[in-house]
């Protein structure tokens, strides 16, 4: 009888530790299943292989591969890059089409093949040599895609500029990036709420309560993008302090928008109307919070708690097969969601979060 009681106590203690740990073996197994599920369903998504929908997934996958030394994921990414001939979509100026360059650079870090990044550098050089100075809103009332006229772009393109600087040491890449980043921020950042509007079309939009509308994934893109910039931009560059200040300002708003269960909702300030979790935003927010904690940029206990709660929330929405649910489809504004909704970029956000939470777990 005593042995049975002792065994039950061990099980209870183990279960409790799994719930409170920042990252545990069960988390790793689940994250592995998520990555494996996405690889298996890669062909299900009709989006272009070099486009942003897949590229955001690659970015999370390469970080998870680096964290776990998963050669199968590296092989998948290498095969994809070779299949694309290390190229991008055709739009020279469009930030979305540059996103895949982030993964090419991470693979270059491991394999040191200059061909992986040659076309990316050439494209960025072309943009800098022929900068577009048109307004962020067109005469027809559309957001301008040849500049960073929508907040998502701040995840897609700037980290590539920073990585080229890191490789070459040429400050023109950081300077150009900083200038453009500030233009977008000046246009779309609400200083009162310390959150980003998705684009200039939506600044005057209000919800049924008359409140401003801040789309969760749009702000997730920006927040995660800032973390990637802080990872790469040297503190000696004038932009670093600016990025860090913006990151910390957004952190306070991100935490305020988190619900008691640790999730975020499609409309950050209207969780009652959009009651379901939105897990692409959740993944990006957890990634940014965990990165900030791991690097000592976010030092309050509330920061670590928010990251942990967010991670536990994400884990609840991975089914037995590894499918991540409640991911908003492609869009630009809040939507109602269902458990069946998923998308590659949501998996990318989740895997970015998993990699940073694993690092947090090691530091405990």
Foldseek 3Di string as FASTA:
>chain_A
DVVVVVVVVVVVVVVVCCLPFLDDPVNLVLLVLQLVVCLVCVVVDPPDCQFLQNLLLLLLLLLLCVLVVPVVSVVSLVVSCVVVQLAWDDDLQALRRLQNLNNLLSNCVVVVDVSNNPRSVVSVVVCLVPPDDDDQADPVGHGDRSACQFLLSLLRHLLNLLVVCLVVVDCSSVVVSLVRVVSNCVQFADPVLLFGAGGNSQQCPADPVRHRWGFLLSRLSNLLSLLSNLVRDDPVDPCNVVSLVSNVSVLVSVLVQADPQLFHFRTSVCCPVQVDGAQLSLLSSLLNLLSCCLVVSDPDPSSSVSSSSSLVSQVVLQDPSSFGANHDDDDRGGDHGDSPDDGSSSSSSNSSSSSSSVSVSVVD
